[in-house]
Amino acid sequence: MKSKTLEKHSYTFMLLGLMAVVLLFFTVLKGAMLWKGDVWLGIAMQFPEYGVVTLGLMFCFICGKMDMSFMALGDFATIMAVQYMAAHADSPAGGVILVGILIALGIAVVGGLINGLLVSELDIPPVMATIAMQLVWTGLSVALTSGNTVKGLPALYTEIGHKYLMGFLPVPLLIFLLIFALCWFLLNHTVYGEKLYMVGTNIKAAQFSAINTKRMVVGTYVLCDVICCIGCLLMVNTMASAKADYGTSYVMRCILILVLAGVLPDGGMGKIGNVLIAIVTIQIIATGVNMFPNLNTYYASLIWGGLLLVVLVLNTRMGQGGLFGLKLPRAKKPQKA
């Protein structure tokens, strides 16, 4: 029984081991700083915005698709939302914030529909289709703002994102946990989650199993972009503004996290628990690098890039029969009807 459990969760244990190594490394070098309560509160405030975005992108990866437009779409959606909020600054803040959020989410739904239809109906390769849409959304954002920062958010909106519940739970972390719980439920306890893994594992077999794969692809892009937009709304809360290029550095970071977690764009594989471990590990690395005042913060990108290469090599070896007995978590292959 123990051996089966170890085999089933071997990749998770590997990720936990990697996190332990990272913690040990920074503990040895900067232990006095790392284990301060304020540092961990800072970590809890920083990762939710790109953590939520990563959870959204995860659905596309499990489906076997790619979305390169999620941050550009999120930037455009939040620019429109902030412009609306700024234009109605004299109205009651609560109603203005709600309408602004609905505007952003509505744009995200439209963007997801466009991506899904381009891929499922026109058979355009997902990477090419979403890169084209990335350029479209970025172009619209720059045209509307001339590349300038858009400000004018209600004070209530920015204050909420910097508050702590019960004195220790940051509101952004609470939002991340709620989105995480929703995603976990969708993947593990709904028919949609089961079909998603089936489509990602073998789309042809899924079609023979009477699954409407086109509708699944479109719906998954919509879900992905809506969740990513929520992450962008958190980012706007932190910045107290919106801009056409906010979050561009998060694109590769989110992809790195998913690859590190074993959620590959090949589709049909990955566990959301592993994604959480990878998110926290990446944030610990970012925080740890910032503890060295003489070290350029861009070294974090260097570390992430090297880590990505290592993980890709490991994942390739695992796909060729396993490395040290570790296996990527894959979904069961669907039965033909």
C-alpha atoms as a PDB file:
ATOM      1  CA  MET A   1       0.000   0.000   0.000  1.00  0.00           C
ATOM      2  CA  LYS A   2       2.792   2.427   0.931  1.00  0.00           C
ATOM      3  CA  SER A   3       4.682   1.714  -2.297  1.00  0.00           C
ATOM      4  CA  LYS A   4       1.564   2.438  -4.365  1.00  0.00           C
ATOM      5  CA  THR A   5       1.015   5.690  -2.504  1.00  0.00           C
ATOM      6  CA  LEU A   6       4.625   6.713  -3.048  1.00  0.00           C
ATOM      7  CA  GLU A   7       4.394   5.881  -6.752  1.00  0.00           C
ATOM      8  CA  LYS A   8       1.092   7.745  -7.155  1.00  0.00           C
ATOM      9  CA  HIS A   9       2.375  10.891  -5.461  1.00  0.00           C
ATOM     10  CA  SER A  10       6.056  10.649  -6.391  1.00  0.00           C
ATOM     11  CA  TYR A  11       6.017  13.848  -8.433  1.00  0.00           C
ATOM     12  CA  THR A  12       4.400  15.730  -5.559  1.00  0.00           C
ATOM     13  CA  PHE A  13       7.115  14.458  -3.215  1.00  0.00           C
ATOM     14  CA  MET A  14       9.738  15.638  -5.701  1.00  0.00           C
ATOM     15  CA  LEU A  15       8.209  19.142  -5.719  1.00  0.00           C
ATOM     16  CA  LEU A  16       8.095  19.206  -1.931  1.00  0.00           C
ATOM     17  CA  GLY A  17      11.737  18.130  -1.911  1.00  0.00           C
ATOM     18  CA  LEU A  18      12.597  20.964  -4.293  1.00  0.00           C
ATOM     19  CA  MET A  19      10.798  23.444  -2.040  1.00  0.00           C
ATOM     20  CA  ALA A  20      12.704  22.077   0.965  1.00  0.00           C
ATOM     21  CA  VAL A  21      16.012  22.535  -0.871  1.00  0.00           C
ATOM     22  CA  VAL A  22      15.120  26.134  -1.765  1.00  0.00           C
ATOM     23  CA  LEU A  23      14.115  26.869   1.834  1.00  0.00           C
ATOM     24  CA  LEU A  24      17.288  25.258   3.151  1.00  0.00           C
ATOM     25  CA  PHE A  25      19.443  27.252   0.731  1.00  0.00           C
ATOM     26  CA  PHE A  26      18.005  30.628   1.758  1.00  0.00           C
ATOM     27  CA  THR A  27      17.857  29.602   5.418  1.00  0.00           C
ATOM     28  CA  VAL A  28      21.595  28.939   5.416  1.00  0.00           C
ATOM     29  CA  LEU A  29      22.375  32.226   3.667  1.00  0.00           C
ATOM     30  CA  LYS A  30      19.648  34.550   4.996  1.00  0.00           C
ATOM     31  CA  GLY A  31      17.845  32.606   7.704  1.00  0.00           C
ATOM     32  CA  ALA A  32      17.503  35.564  10.048  1.00  0.00           C
ATOM     33  CA  MET A  33      15.597  37.477   7.378  1.00  0.00           C
ATOM     34  CA  LEU A  34      13.692  34.627   5.732  1.00  0.00           C
ATOM     35  CA  TRP A  35      11.846  33.462   8.816  1.00  0.00           C
ATOM     36  CA  LYS A  36      10.535  36.834   9.893  1.00  0.00           C
ATOM     37  CA  GLY A  37       6.751  37.055  10.039  1.00  0.00           C
ATOM     38  CA  ASP A  38       6.693  40.172   7.861  1.00  0.00           C
ATOM     39  CA  VAL A  39       8.533  38.335   5.083  1.00  0.00           C
ATOM     40  CA  TRP A  40       5.932  35.574   4.956  1.00  0.00           C
ATOM     41  CA  LEU A  41       3.105  38.109   5.078  1.00  0.00           C
ATOM     42  CA  GLY A  42       4.772  39.758   2.095  1.00  0.00           C
ATOM     43  CA  ILE A  43       4.920  36.421   0.277  1.00  0.00           C
ATOM     44  CA  ALA A  44       1.224  35.890   1.028  1.00  0.00           C
ATOM     45  CA  MET A  45       0.446  39.319  -0.472  1.00  0.00           C
ATOM     46  CA  GLN A  46       2.612  38.950  -3.587  1.00  0.00           C
ATOM     47  CA  PHE A  47       1.867  35.587  -5.167  1.00  0.00           C
ATOM     48  CA  PRO A  48      -1.976  35.643  -5.288  1.00  0.00           C
ATOM     49  CA  GLU A  49      -2.178  37.910  -8.350  1.00  0.00           C
ATOM     50  CA  TYR A  50      -0.049  35.724 -10.624  1.00  0.00           C
ATOM     51  CA  GLY A  51      -1.132  32.616  -8.722  1.00  0.00           C
ATOM     52  CA  VAL A  52      -4.735  33.196  -9.788  1.00  0.00           C
ATOM     53  CA  VAL A  53      -3.580  33.813 -13.371  1.00  0.00           C
ATOM     54  CA  THR A  54      -1.653  30.521 -13.275  1.00  0.00           C
ATOM     55  CA  LEU A  55      -4.748  28.639 -12.130  1.00  0.00           C
ATOM     56  CA  GLY A  56      -6.652  30.026 -15.106  1.00  0.00           C
ATOM     57  CA  LEU A  57      -3.952  29.072 -17.599  1.00  0.00           C
ATOM     58  CA  MET A  58      -3.835  25.602 -16.043  1.00  0.00           C
ATOM     59  CA  PHE A  59      -7.213  24.729 -17.584  1.00  0.00           C
ATOM     60  CA  CYS A  60      -5.921  25.413 -21.110  1.00  0.00           C
ATOM     61  CA  PHE A  61      -2.832  23.292 -20.480  1.00  0.00           C
ATOM     62  CA  ILE A  62      -4.873  20.345 -19.176  1.00  0.00           C
ATOM     63  CA  CYS A  63      -7.095  20.673 -22.257  1.00  0.00           C
ATOM     64  CA  GLY A  64      -3.994  20.374 -24.430  1.00  0.00           C
ATOM     65  CA  LYS A  65      -4.180  23.979 -25.638  1.00  0.00           C
ATOM     66  CA  MET A  66      -2.086  27.103 -25.204  1.00  0.00           C
ATOM     67  CA  ASP A  67      -3.100  30.704 -24.529  1.00  0.00           C
ATOM     68  CA  MET A  68      -0.484  33.403 -25.020  1.00  0.00           C
ATOM     69  CA  SER A  69      -2.975  36.282 -24.922  1.00  0.00           C
ATOM     70  CA  PHE A  70      -4.173  35.979 -21.321  1.00  0.00           C
ATOM     71  CA  MET A  71      -2.117  38.860 -19.887  1.00  0.00           C
ATOM     72  CA  ALA A  72      -2.695  41.204 -22.836  1.00  0.00           C
ATOM     73  CA  LEU A  73      -6.427  40.506 -22.618  1.00  0.00           C
ATOM     74  CA  GLY A  74      -6.347  41.041 -18.856  1.00  0.00           C
ATOM     75  CA  ASP A  75      -4.502  44.345 -19.282  1.00  0.00           C
ATOM     76  CA  PHE A  76      -7.071  45.580 -21.814  1.00  0.00           C
ATOM     77  CA  ALA A  77      -9.987  44.451 -19.650  1.00  0.00           C
ATOM     78  CA  THR A  78      -8.607  46.179 -16.554  1.00  0.00           C
ATOM     79  CA  ILE A  79      -7.835  49.359 -18.503  1.00  0.00           C
ATOM     80  CA  MET A  80     -11.476  49.534 -19.569  1.00  0.00           C
ATOM     81  CA  ALA A  81     -12.583  48.832 -16.000  1.00  0.00           C
ATOM     82  CA  VAL A  82     -10.321  51.507 -14.483  1.00  0.00           C
ATOM     83  CA  GLN A  83     -11.375  54.056 -17.101  1.00  0.00           C
ATOM     84  CA  TYR A  84     -15.008  53.424 -16.179  1.00  0.00           C
ATOM     85  CA  MET A  85     -14.274  53.735 -12.453  1.00  0.00           C
ATOM     86  CA  ALA A  86     -12.328  56.956 -12.982  1.00  0.00           C
ATOM     87  CA  ALA A  87     -15.110  58.434 -15.113  1.00  0.00           C
ATOM     88  CA  HIS A  88     -17.685  57.721 -12.384  1.00  0.00           C
ATOM     89  CA  ALA A  89     -15.619  58.783  -9.384  1.00  0.00           C
ATOM     90  CA  ASP A  90     -18.510  60.910  -8.053  1.00  0.00           C
ATOM     91  CA  SER A  91     -20.885  57.924  -7.864  1.00  0.00           C
ATOM     92  CA  PRO A  92     -21.097  55.542  -4.863  1.00  0.00           C
ATOM     93  CA  ALA A  93     -17.839  53.593  -4.801  1.00  0.00           C
ATOM     94  CA  GLY A  94     -19.382  50.165  -4.176  1.00  0.00           C
ATOM     95  CA  GLY A  95     -21.599  50.247  -7.274  1.00  0.00           C
ATOM     96  CA  VAL A  96     -18.852  51.715  -9.466  1.00  0.00           C
ATOM     97  CA  ILE A  97     -16.391  49.012  -8.418  1.00  0.00           C
ATOM     98  CA  LEU A  98     -18.934  46.254  -9.063  1.00  0.00           C
ATOM     99  CA  VAL A  99     -19.759  47.541 -12.550  1.00  0.00           C
ATOM    100  CA  GLY A 100     -16.070  47.990 -13.349  1.00  0.00           C
ATOM    101  CA  ILE A 101     -15.325  44.399 -12.335  1.00  0.00           C
ATOM    102  CA  LEU A 102     -18.259  43.146 -14.435  1.00  0.00           C
ATOM    103  CA  ILE A 103     -16.954  45.124 -17.438  1.00  0.00           C
ATOM    104  CA  ALA A 104     -13.537  43.488 -17.081  1.00  0.00           C
ATOM    105  CA  LEU A 105     -14.999  40.000 -16.713  1.00  0.00           C
ATOM    106  CA  GLY A 106     -17.337  40.584 -19.673  1.00  0.00           C
ATOM    107  CA  ILE A 107     -14.378  41.521 -21.874  1.00  0.00           C
ATOM    108  CA  ALA A 108     -12.568  38.408 -20.651  1.00  0.00           C
ATOM    109  CA  VAL A 109     -15.552  36.271 -21.701  1.00  0.00           C
ATOM    110  CA  VAL A 110     -15.477  37.828 -25.190  1.00  0.00           C
ATOM    111  CA  GLY A 111     -11.719  37.282 -25.453  1.00  0.00           C
ATOM    112  CA  GLY A 112     -12.088  33.653 -24.389  1.00  0.00           C
ATOM    113  CA  LEU A 113     -14.849  33.086 -26.937  1.00  0.00           C
ATOM    114  CA  ILE A 114     -12.680  34.538 -29.715  1.00  0.00           C
ATOM    115  CA  ASN A 115      -9.715  32.361 -28.745  1.00  0.00           C
ATOM    116  CA  GLY A 116     -11.867  29.253 -28.489  1.00  0.00           C
ATOM    117  CA  LEU A 117     -13.589  29.810 -31.832  1.00  0.00           C
ATOM    118  CA  LEU A 118     -10.305  30.526 -33.628  1.00  0.00           C
ATOM    119  CA  VAL A 119      -8.872  27.254 -32.338  1.00  0.00           C
ATOM    120  CA  SER A 120     -11.906  24.966 -32.463  1.00  0.00           C
ATOM    121  CA  GLU A 121     -13.833  26.228 -35.486  1.00  0.00           C
ATOM    122  CA  LEU A 122     -11.073  27.576 -37.732  1.00  0.00           C
ATOM    123  CA  ASP A 123      -8.443  25.004 -36.651  1.00  0.00           C
ATOM    124  CA  ILE A 124      -5.783  27.680 -36.215  1.00  0.00           C
ATOM    125  CA  PRO A 125      -2.900  26.370 -34.073  1.00  0.00           C
ATOM    126  CA  PRO A 126      -3.503  27.606 -30.503  1.00  0.00           C
ATOM    127  CA  VAL A 127      -0.103  29.294 -30.151  1.00  0.00           C
ATOM    128  CA  MET A 128      -0.473  31.244 -33.404  1.00  0.00           C
ATOM    129  CA  ALA A 129      -4.105  32.184 -32.755  1.00  0.00           C
ATOM    130  CA  THR A 130      -3.464  33.468 -29.252  1.00  0.00           C
ATOM    131  CA  ILE A 131      -0.246  35.291 -30.182  1.00  0.00           C
ATOM    132  CA  ALA A 132      -2.274  37.125 -32.855  1.00  0.00           C
ATOM    133  CA  MET A 133      -4.899  38.015 -30.242  1.00  0.00           C
ATOM    134  CA  GLN A 134      -2.150  39.070 -27.860  1.00  0.00           C
ATOM    135  CA  LEU A 135      -1.030  41.635 -30.429  1.00  0.00           C
ATOM    136  CA  VAL A 136      -4.640  42.749 -30.968  1.00  0.00           C
ATOM    137  CA  TRP A 137      -5.327  43.319 -27.260  1.00  0.00           C
ATOM    138  CA  THR A 138      -1.970  45.027 -26.713  1.00  0.00           C
ATOM    139  CA  GLY A 139      -2.572  47.270 -29.723  1.00  0.00           C
ATOM    140  CA  LEU A 140      -6.016  48.251 -28.446  1.00  0.00           C
ATOM    141  CA  SER A 141      -4.611  48.978 -24.983  1.00  0.00           C
ATOM    142  CA  VAL A 142      -1.829  51.191 -26.336  1.00  0.00           C
ATOM    143  CA  ALA A 143      -4.204  52.950 -28.731  1.00  0.00           C
ATOM    144  CA  LEU A 144      -6.632  53.775 -25.914  1.00  0.00           C
ATOM    145  CA  THR A 145      -3.997  54.974 -23.455  1.00  0.00           C
ATOM    146  CA  SER A 146      -1.063  56.024 -25.678  1.00  0.00           C
ATOM    147  CA  GLY A 147       0.960  53.673 -23.507  1.00  0.00           C
ATOM    148  CA  ASN A 148       0.293  55.756 -20.397  1.00  0.00           C
ATOM    149  CA  THR A 149      -0.806  54.578 -16.982  1.00  0.00           C
ATOM    150  CA  VAL A 150      -4.547  54.794 -16.282  1.00  0.00           C
ATOM    151  CA  LYS A 151      -5.358  55.972 -12.758  1.00  0.00           C
ATOM    152  CA  GLY A 152      -8.420  57.117 -10.852  1.00  0.00           C
ATOM    153  CA  LEU A 153      -9.385  53.979  -8.941  1.00  0.00           C
ATOM    154  CA  PRO A 154     -11.736  54.493  -5.980  1.00  0.00           C
ATOM    155  CA  ALA A 155      -9.842  54.477  -2.703  1.00  0.00           C
ATOM    156  CA  LEU A 156     -12.081  51.657  -1.457  1.00  0.00           C
ATOM    157  CA  TYR A 157     -10.849  49.356  -4.238  1.00  0.00           C
ATOM    158  CA  THR A 158      -7.177  49.776  -3.417  1.00  0.00           C
ATOM    159  CA  GLU A 159      -7.759  49.672   0.347  1.00  0.00           C
ATOM    160  CA  ILE A 160      -9.556  46.323   0.263  1.00  0.00           C
ATOM    161  CA  GLY A 161      -6.602  44.631  -1.412  1.00  0.00           C
ATOM    162  CA  HIS A 162      -4.228  45.769   1.320  1.00  0.00           C
ATOM    163  CA  LYS A 163      -6.331  44.751   4.299  1.00  0.00           C
ATOM    164  CA  TYR A 164      -5.832  41.754   6.587  1.00  0.00           C
ATOM    165  CA  LEU A 165      -8.702  39.666   7.891  1.00  0.00           C
ATOM    166  CA  MET A 166      -8.357  38.755  11.566  1.00  0.00           C
ATOM    167  CA  GLY A 167      -5.044  40.575  11.518  1.00  0.00           C
ATOM    168  CA  PHE A 168      -3.089  37.949   9.566  1.00  0.00           C
ATOM    169  CA  LEU A 169      -5.006  36.815   6.446  1.00  0.00           C
ATOM    170  CA  PRO A 170      -4.437  39.154   3.456  1.00  0.00           C
ATOM    171  CA  VAL A 171      -7.529  39.720   1.326  1.00  0.00           C
ATOM    172  CA  PRO A 172      -5.651  38.807  -1.920  1.00  0.00           C
ATOM    173  CA  LEU A 173      -4.657  35.481  -0.346  1.00  0.00           C
ATOM    174  CA  LEU A 174      -8.272  34.838   0.624  1.00  0.00           C
ATOM    175  CA  ILE A 175      -9.350  35.493  -2.969  1.00  0.00           C
ATOM    176  CA  PHE A 176      -6.627  33.149  -4.217  1.00  0.00           C
ATOM    177  CA  LEU A 177      -7.781  30.420  -1.816  1.00  0.00           C
ATOM    178  CA  LEU A 178     -11.387  30.816  -2.969  1.00  0.00           C
ATOM    179  CA  ILE A 179     -10.374  30.565  -6.640  1.00  0.00           C
ATOM    180  CA  PHE A 180      -8.121  27.604  -5.805  1.00  0.00           C
ATOM    181  CA  ALA A 181     -11.011  25.814  -4.070  1.00  0.00           C
ATOM    182  CA  LEU A 182     -13.284  26.468  -7.057  1.00  0.00           C
ATOM    183  CA  CYS A 183     -10.691  25.151  -9.522  1.00  0.00           C
ATOM    184  CA  TRP A 184     -10.029  22.087  -7.345  1.00  0.00           C
ATOM    185  CA  PHE A 185     -13.750  21.334  -7.254  1.00  0.00           C
ATOM    186  CA  LEU A 186     -14.145  21.762 -11.028  1.00  0.00           C
ATOM    187  CA  LEU A 187     -11.226  19.457 -11.790  1.00  0.00           C
ATOM    188  CA  ASN A 188     -11.923  16.720  -9.269  1.00  0.00           C
ATOM    189  CA  HIS A 189     -15.661  16.676  -8.608  1.00  0.00           C
ATOM    190  CA  THR A 190     -17.454  17.680 -11.792  1.00  0.00           C
ATOM    191  CA  VAL A 191     -18.226  16.105 -15.151  1.00  0.00           C
ATOM    192  CA  TYR A 192     -16.476  19.062 -16.768  1.00  0.00           C
ATOM    193  CA  GLY A 193     -13.205  18.184 -15.039  1.00  0.00           C
ATOM    194  CA  GLU A 194     -13.426  14.561 -16.129  1.00  0.00           C
ATOM    195  CA  LYS A 195     -14.143  15.556 -19.718  1.00  0.00           C
ATOM    196  CA  LEU A 196     -11.338  18.129 -19.635  1.00  0.00           C
ATOM    197  CA  TYR A 197      -8.740  15.470 -18.828  1.00  0.00           C
ATOM    198  CA  MET A 198     -10.225  13.186 -21.491  1.00  0.00           C
ATOM    199  CA  VAL A 199     -10.029  15.887 -24.167  1.00  0.00           C
ATOM    200  CA  GLY A 200      -6.457  16.729 -23.177  1.00  0.00           C
ATOM    201  CA  THR A 201      -5.393  13.088 -23.156  1.00  0.00           C
ATOM    202  CA  ASN A 202      -6.851  12.143 -26.538  1.00  0.00           C
ATOM    203  CA  ILE A 203      -9.219  14.496 -28.317  1.00  0.00           C
ATOM    204  CA  LYS A 204     -10.133  11.910 -30.964  1.00  0.00           C
ATOM    205  CA  ALA A 205     -11.057   9.339 -28.345  1.00  0.00           C
ATOM    206  CA  ALA A 206     -13.042  12.021 -26.520  1.00  0.00           C
ATOM    207  CA  GLN A 207     -15.035  12.655 -29.698  1.00  0.00           C
ATOM    208  CA  PHE A 208     -15.807   8.933 -29.960  1.00  0.00           C
ATOM    209  CA  SER A 209     -16.986   9.119 -26.344  1.00  0.00           C
ATOM    210  CA  ALA A 210     -19.710  11.565 -27.425  1.00  0.00           C
ATOM    211  CA  ILE A 211     -17.986  14.606 -25.926  1.00  0.00           C
ATOM    212  CA  ASN A 212     -18.571  17.888 -27.741  1.00  0.00           C
ATOM    213  CA  THR A 213     -14.885  18.725 -27.945  1.00  0.00           C
ATOM    214  CA  LYS A 214     -15.390  22.062 -29.700  1.00  0.00           C
ATOM    215  CA  ARG A 215     -17.681  23.273 -26.955  1.00  0.00           C
ATOM    216  CA  MET A 216     -15.206  22.021 -24.359  1.00  0.00           C
ATOM    217  CA  VAL A 217     -12.355  23.964 -25.989  1.00  0.00           C
ATOM    218  CA  VAL A 218     -14.387  27.181 -26.242  1.00  0.00           C
ATOM    219  CA  GLY A 219     -15.654  26.852 -22.672  1.00  0.00           C
ATOM    220  CA  THR A 220     -12.154  26.174 -21.371  1.00  0.00           C
ATOM    221  CA  TYR A 221     -10.733  29.281 -23.050  1.00  0.00           C
ATOM    222  CA  VAL A 222     -13.541  31.356 -21.552  1.00  0.00           C
ATOM    223  CA  LEU A 223     -12.919  29.902 -18.089  1.00  0.00           C
ATOM    224  CA  CYS A 224      -9.171  30.420 -18.456  1.00  0.00           C
ATOM    225  CA  ASP A 225      -9.453  34.065 -19.467  1.00  0.00           C
ATOM    226  CA  VAL A 226     -12.073  34.921 -16.833  1.00  0.00           C
ATOM    227  CA  ILE A 227      -9.890  33.525 -14.039  1.00  0.00           C
ATOM    228  CA  CYS A 228      -6.812  35.233 -15.507  1.00  0.00           C
ATOM    229  CA  CYS A 229      -8.762  38.502 -15.553  1.00  0.00           C
ATOM    230  CA  ILE A 230      -9.487  38.112 -11.832  1.00  0.00           C
ATOM    231  CA  GLY A 231      -5.727  37.836 -11.303  1.00  0.00           C
ATOM    232  CA  CYS A 232      -5.226  41.007 -13.345  1.00  0.00           C
ATOM    233  CA  LEU A 233      -7.824  42.802 -11.217  1.00  0.00           C
ATOM    234  CA  LEU A 234      -5.757  41.852  -8.169  1.00  0.00           C
ATOM    235  CA  MET A 235      -2.668  43.218  -9.908  1.00  0.00           C
ATOM    236  CA  VAL A 236      -4.448  46.512 -10.615  1.00  0.00           C
ATOM    237  CA  ASN A 237      -5.367  46.655  -6.950  1.00  0.00           C
ATOM    238  CA  THR A 238      -1.681  46.369  -6.015  1.00  0.00           C
ATOM    239  CA  MET A 239      -0.520  48.935  -8.571  1.00  0.00           C
ATOM    240  CA  ALA A 240      -3.503  51.275  -7.996  1.00  0.00           C
ATOM    241  CA  SER A 241      -3.564  51.722 -11.775  1.00  0.00           C
ATOM    242  CA  ALA A 242      -3.732  49.890 -15.100  1.00  0.00           C
ATOM    243  CA  LYS A 243      -1.359  49.895 -18.055  1.00  0.00           C
ATOM    244  CA  ALA A 244      -0.906  48.114 -21.386  1.00  0.00           C
ATOM    245  CA  ASP A 245       2.221  46.259 -20.323  1.00  0.00           C
ATOM    246  CA  TYR A 246       1.406  45.361 -16.717  1.00  0.00           C
ATOM    247  CA  GLY A 247       1.968  41.688 -16.048  1.00  0.00           C
ATOM    248  CA  THR A 248       3.988  40.929 -19.179  1.00  0.00           C
ATOM    249  CA  SER A 249       6.694  39.445 -16.962  1.00  0.00           C
ATOM    250  CA  TYR A 250       4.095  37.062 -15.559  1.00  0.00           C
ATOM    251  CA  VAL A 251       3.555  35.254 -18.869  1.00  0.00           C
ATOM    252  CA  MET A 252       6.689  33.132 -18.699  1.00  0.00           C
ATOM    253  CA  ARG A 253       6.485  32.904 -14.917  1.00  0.00           C
ATOM    254  CA  CYS A 254       3.034  31.298 -15.119  1.00  0.00           C
ATOM    255  CA  ILE A 255       4.198  28.889 -17.824  1.00  0.00           C
ATOM    256  CA  LEU A 256       7.249  28.007 -15.725  1.00  0.00           C
ATOM    257  CA  ILE A 257       5.060  27.278 -12.703  1.00  0.00           C
ATOM    258  CA  LEU A 258       2.804  24.961 -14.691  1.00  0.00           C
ATOM    259  CA  VAL A 259       5.717  23.109 -16.278  1.00  0.00           C
ATOM    260  CA  LEU A 260       7.365  22.804 -12.883  1.00  0.00           C
ATOM    261  CA  ALA A 261       4.103  21.417 -11.486  1.00  0.00           C
ATOM    262  CA  GLY A 262       3.911  18.792 -14.234  1.00  0.00           C
ATOM    263  CA  VAL A 263       0.995  20.474 -16.024  1.00  0.00           C
ATOM    264  CA  LEU A 264       2.279  20.389 -19.583  1.00  0.00           C
ATOM    265  CA  PRO A 265       0.550  21.813 -22.688  1.00  0.00           C
ATOM    266  CA  ASP A 266       0.563  18.262 -24.081  1.00  0.00           C
ATOM    267  CA  GLY A 267      -2.699  17.961 -22.161  1.00  0.00           C
ATOM    268  CA  GLY A 268      -4.408  15.443 -19.906  1.00  0.00           C
ATOM    269  CA  MET A 269      -1.941  15.670 -17.026  1.00  0.00           C
ATOM    270  CA  GLY A 270      -1.297  17.563 -13.831  1.00  0.00           C
ATOM    271  CA  LYS A 271      -2.616  18.064 -10.325  1.00  0.00           C
ATOM    272  CA  ILE A 272      -3.758  21.367  -8.914  1.00  0.00           C
ATOM    273  CA  GLY A 273      -2.025  20.608  -5.602  1.00  0.00           C
ATOM    274  CA  ASN A 274       1.299  20.456  -7.435  1.00  0.00           C
ATOM    275  CA  VAL A 275       0.534  23.852  -8.980  1.00  0.00           C
ATOM    276  CA  LEU A 276       0.139  25.341  -5.507  1.00  0.00           C
ATOM    277  CA  ILE A 277       3.505  23.923  -4.403  1.00  0.00           C
ATOM    278  CA  ALA A 278       5.178  25.316  -7.541  1.00  0.00           C
ATOM    279  CA  ILE A 279       3.632  28.785  -7.025  1.00  0.00           C
ATOM    280  CA  VAL A 280       4.919  29.022  -3.470  1.00  0.00           C
ATOM    281  CA  THR A 281       8.366  27.712  -4.476  1.00  0.00           C
ATOM    282  CA  ILE A 282       8.747  30.311  -7.222  1.00  0.00           C
ATOM    283  CA  GLN A 283       7.696  33.108  -4.866  1.00  0.00           C
ATOM    284  CA  ILE A 284      10.178  31.942  -2.214  1.00  0.00           C
ATOM    285  CA  ILE A 285      12.942  32.150  -4.835  1.00  0.00           C
ATOM    286  CA  ALA A 286      11.847  35.682  -5.808  1.00  0.00           C
ATOM    287  CA  THR A 287      11.734  36.781  -2.172  1.00  0.00           C
ATOM    288  CA  GLY A 288      15.047  35.124  -1.407  1.00  0.00           C
ATOM    289  CA  VAL A 289      16.845  36.888  -4.257  1.00  0.00           C
ATOM    290  CA  ASN A 290      15.506  40.241  -3.009  1.00  0.00           C
ATOM    291  CA  MET A 291      17.247  39.617   0.315  1.00  0.00           C
ATOM    292  CA  PHE A 292      20.620  40.186  -1.329  1.00  0.00           C
ATOM    293  CA  PRO A 293      20.908  43.987  -1.764  1.00  0.00           C
ATOM    294  CA  ASN A 294      23.981  43.707  -4.003  1.00  0.00           C
ATOM    295  CA  LEU A 295      22.339  41.144  -6.267  1.00  0.00           C
ATOM    296  CA  ASN A 296      20.377  42.338  -9.269  1.00  0.00           C
ATOM    297  CA  THR A 297      16.753  41.267  -8.919  1.00  0.00           C
ATOM    298  CA  TYR A 298      16.821  40.052 -12.517  1.00  0.00           C
ATOM    299  CA  TYR A 299      18.882  37.118 -11.271  1.00  0.00           C
ATOM    300  CA  ALA A 300      15.530  35.660 -10.217  1.00  0.00           C
ATOM    301  CA  SER A 301      14.651  35.426 -13.921  1.00  0.00           C
ATOM    302  CA  LEU A 302      17.993  33.723 -14.548  1.00  0.00           C
ATOM    303  CA  ILE A 303      17.236  31.181 -11.828  1.00  0.00           C
ATOM    304  CA  TRP A 304      13.709  30.603 -13.157  1.00  0.00           C
ATOM    305  CA  GLY A 305      15.009  30.149 -16.696  1.00  0.00           C
ATOM    306  CA  GLY A 306      17.613  27.618 -15.585  1.00  0.00           C
ATOM    307  CA  LEU A 307      15.001  25.849 -13.470  1.00  0.00           C
ATOM    308  CA  LEU A 308      12.660  25.721 -16.458  1.00  0.00           C
ATOM    309  CA  LEU A 309      15.338  24.066 -18.598  1.00  0.00           C
ATOM    310  CA  VAL A 310      16.076  21.506 -15.872  1.00  0.00           C
ATOM    311  CA  VAL A 311      12.395  20.716 -15.400  1.00  0.00           C
ATOM    312  CA  LEU A 312      11.858  20.345 -19.148  1.00  0.00           C
ATOM    313  CA  VAL A 313      14.726  17.861 -19.313  1.00  0.00           C
ATOM    314  CA  LEU A 314      13.340  15.950 -16.337  1.00  0.00           C
ATOM    315  CA  ASN A 315       9.831  15.935 -17.800  1.00  0.00           C
ATOM    316  CA  THR A 316      11.172  14.675 -21.125  1.00  0.00           C
ATOM    317  CA  ARG A 317      13.023  11.861 -19.365  1.00  0.00           C
ATOM    318  CA  MET A 318       9.907  10.987 -17.403  1.00  0.00           C
ATOM    319  CA  GLY A 319       7.923  10.800 -20.602  1.00  0.00           C
ATOM    320  CA  GLN A 320      10.474   8.326 -21.932  1.00  0.00           C
ATOM    321  CA  GLY A 321       9.959   5.808 -19.168  1.00  0.00           C
ATOM    322  CA  GLY A 322      10.577   7.733 -15.981  1.00  0.00           C
ATOM    323  CA  LEU A 323      13.466   9.269 -14.136  1.00  0.00           C
ATOM    324  CA  PHE A 324      14.350   7.825 -10.746  1.00  0.00           C
ATOM    325  CA  GLY A 325      10.945   6.146 -10.730  1.00  0.00           C
ATOM    326  CA  LEU A 326       9.060   9.452 -10.863  1.00  0.00           C
ATOM    327  CA  LYS A 327       6.023   9.728 -13.097  1.00  0.00           C
ATOM    328  CA  LEU A 328       4.076  12.744 -14.171  1.00  0.00           C
ATOM    329  CA  PRO A 329       0.446  12.581 -12.996  1.00  0.00           C
ATOM    330  CA  ARG A 330      -1.637  11.717 -16.053  1.00  0.00           C
ATOM    331  CA  ALA A 331      -5.313  11.190 -16.478  1.00  0.00           C
ATOM    332  CA  LYS A 332      -6.705   7.776 -17.325  1.00  0.00           C
ATOM    333  CA  LYS A 333      -7.210   7.191 -21.017  1.00  0.00           C
ATOM    334  CA  PRO A 334     -10.905   7.348 -21.949  1.00  0.00           C
ATOM    335  CA  GLN A 335     -12.703   4.288 -23.248  1.00  0.00           C
ATOM    336  CA  LYS A 336     -14.055   4.384 -26.757  1.00  0.00           C
ATOM    337  CA  ALA A 337     -17.819   4.298 -27.033  1.00  0.00           C
END
